[in-house]
C-alpha atoms as a PDB file:
ATOM      1  CA  MET A   1      19.554 124.794 162.934  1.00  0.00           C
ATOM      2  CA  ILE A   2      18.747 128.152 161.072  1.00  0.00           C
ATOM      3  CA  GLY A   3      19.978 131.526 162.392  1.00  0.00           C
ATOM      4  CA  TRP A   4      21.234 134.919 161.245  1.00  0.00           C
ATOM      5  CA  GLU A   5      24.961 135.975 161.592  1.00  0.00           C
ATOM      6  CA  GLY A   6      24.508 139.795 160.832  1.00  0.00           C
ATOM      7  CA  ASP A   7      22.699 140.009 157.706  1.00  0.00           C
ATOM      8  CA  ILE A   8      23.697 136.620 156.506  1.00  0.00           C
ATOM      9  CA  LEU A   9      21.196 133.567 156.858  1.00  0.00           C
ATOM     10  CA  CYS A  10      22.973 130.706 158.206  1.00  0.00           C
ATOM     11  CA  PHE A  11      21.551 127.268 157.658  1.00  0.00           C
ATOM     12  CA  ILE A  12      23.532 124.722 160.115  1.00  0.00           C
ATOM     13  CA  GLU A  13      23.924 121.122 160.057  1.00  0.00           C
ATOM     14  CA  VAL A  14      25.300 119.912 163.231  1.00  0.00           C
ATOM     15  CA  LYS A  15      26.990 116.505 163.702  1.00  0.00           C
ATOM     16  CA  THR A  16      27.895 115.034 166.926  1.00  0.00           C
ATOM     17  CA  ARG A  17      30.425 112.439 167.693  1.00  0.00           C
ATOM     18  CA  THR A  18      32.262 110.545 170.668  1.00  0.00           C
ATOM     19  CA  SER A  19      34.974 109.871 168.343  1.00  0.00           C
ATOM     20  CA  HIS A  20      37.330 110.780 165.229  1.00  0.00           C
ATOM     21  CA  ASN A  21      38.002 106.977 164.703  1.00  0.00           C
ATOM     22  CA  VAL A  22      35.331 105.876 162.077  1.00  0.00           C
ATOM     23  CA  LYS A  23      34.187 109.012 160.001  1.00  0.00           C
ATOM     24  CA  THR A  24      34.362 112.614 160.834  1.00  0.00           C
ATOM     25  CA  ALA A  25      31.167 114.425 161.844  1.00  0.00           C
ATOM     26  CA  GLU A  26      31.324 116.391 158.808  1.00  0.00           C
ATOM     27  CA  ALA A  27      31.950 113.735 156.525  1.00  0.00           C
ATOM     28  CA  ALA A  28      28.419 112.602 157.510  1.00  0.00           C
ATOM     29  CA  VAL A  29      26.620 115.339 155.682  1.00  0.00           C
ATOM     30  CA  ASP A  30      26.759 113.271 152.774  1.00  0.00           C
ATOM     31  CA  ARG A  31      25.121 113.793 149.528  1.00  0.00           C
ATOM     32  CA  HIS A  32      21.634 112.627 150.634  1.00  0.00           C
ATOM     33  CA  LYS A  33      21.539 115.059 153.565  1.00  0.00           C
ATOM     34  CA  ARG A  34      22.947 117.853 151.415  1.00  0.00           C
ATOM     35  CA  ARG A  35      19.959 117.466 149.220  1.00  0.00           C
ATOM     36  CA  GLU A  36      17.622 117.599 151.932  1.00  0.00           C
ATOM     37  CA  VAL A  37      19.110 120.926 153.235  1.00  0.00           C
ATOM     38  CA  ALA A  38      19.071 122.377 149.905  1.00  0.00           C
ATOM     39  CA  GLU A  39      15.437 121.452 149.722  1.00  0.00           C
ATOM     40  CA  VAL A  40      14.799 123.166 153.184  1.00  0.00           C
ATOM     41  CA  VAL A  41      17.022 126.130 151.903  1.00  0.00           C
ATOM     42  CA  ARG A  42      14.725 126.633 148.633  1.00  0.00           C
ATOM     43  CA  GLU A  43      11.721 126.692 150.716  1.00  0.00           C
ATOM     44  CA  TYR A  44      12.752 129.017 153.226  1.00  0.00           C
ATOM     45  CA  LEU A  45      14.082 131.652 150.831  1.00  0.00           C
ATOM     46  CA  LYS A  46      10.678 131.962 149.208  1.00  0.00           C
ATOM     47  CA  ARG A  47       9.628 133.668 152.349  1.00  0.00           C
ATOM     48  CA  LEU A  48      12.429 136.128 152.176  1.00  0.00           C
ATOM     49  CA  PRO A  49      13.392 138.946 149.852  1.00  0.00           C
ATOM     50  CA  VAL A  50      15.503 138.065 147.050  1.00  0.00           C
ATOM     51  CA  SER A  51      18.527 140.072 148.118  1.00  0.00           C
ATOM     52  CA  CYS A  52      18.832 137.686 150.938  1.00  0.00           C
ATOM     53  CA  GLN A  53      22.523 136.664 151.626  1.00  0.00           C
ATOM     54  CA  TRP A  54      22.920 132.895 152.859  1.00  0.00           C
ATOM     55  CA  ARG A  55      25.243 130.301 153.538  1.00  0.00           C
ATOM     56  CA  PHE A  56      25.428 126.448 154.546  1.00  0.00           C
ATOM     57  CA  ASP A  57      27.638 125.799 157.452  1.00  0.00           C
ATOM     58  CA  ILE A  58      28.639 122.624 159.456  1.00  0.00           C
ATOM     59  CA  VAL A  59      29.373 122.476 163.029  1.00  0.00           C
ATOM     60  CA  SER A  60      31.247 119.060 164.199  1.00  0.00           C
ATOM     61  CA  VAL A  61      30.849 118.557 167.824  1.00  0.00           C
ATOM     62  CA  TYR A  62      33.251 115.787 169.462  1.00  0.00           C
ATOM     63  CA  TYR A  63      32.653 114.681 173.055  1.00  0.00           C
ATOM     64  CA  VAL A  64      35.983 112.494 173.542  1.00  0.00           C
ATOM     65  CA  GLY A  65      35.863 112.094 177.353  1.00  0.00           C
ATOM     66  CA  ARG A  66      33.079 111.763 179.682  1.00  0.00           C
ATOM     67  CA  SER A  67      34.533 114.946 181.697  1.00  0.00           C
ATOM     68  CA  SER A  68      36.022 116.855 179.094  1.00  0.00           C
ATOM     69  CA  ARG A  69      34.640 119.963 177.508  1.00  0.00           C
ATOM     70  CA  PRO A  70      33.294 119.343 173.594  1.00  0.00           C
ATOM     71  CA  GLN A  71      35.721 120.270 170.827  1.00  0.00           C
ATOM     72  CA  ILE A  72      33.949 122.066 168.164  1.00  0.00           C
ATOM     73  CA  GLU A  73      34.830 122.678 164.632  1.00  0.00           C
ATOM     74  CA  ILE A  74      32.693 125.130 162.510  1.00  0.00           C
ATOM     75  CA  PHE A  75      33.063 125.012 158.654  1.00  0.00           C
ATOM     76  CA  ARG A  76      31.176 128.320 157.260  1.00  0.00           C
ATOM     77  CA  ASN A  77      30.056 128.669 153.753  1.00  0.00           C
ATOM     78  CA  THR A  78      30.064 124.705 152.846  1.00  0.00           C
ATOM     79  CA  SER A  79      28.888 123.810 149.478  1.00  0.00           C
ATOM     80  CA  LEU A  80      25.272 122.149 149.307  1.00  0.00           C
ATOM     81  CA  ALA A  81      26.735 120.163 146.126  1.00  0.00           C
ATOM     82  CA  ALA A  82      27.985 116.684 146.915  1.00  0.00           C
END
């Protein structure tokens, strides 16, 4: 996803899981995925003013039970380097 929070452009990767047992959702944003996002960021920023502030966020969503509400964690300003 791409969106604005105030005057900061946010590039957001959302990962969903039904369990914390195997690999955390945020850990699934591996080196390969970060490279892909970095390419998108570069291309997107070419179309915006040079002074545009931006960041990369990861959102982890867990559906633990069918009737429970999802648990959501937001990791703001995460590094694209892996």
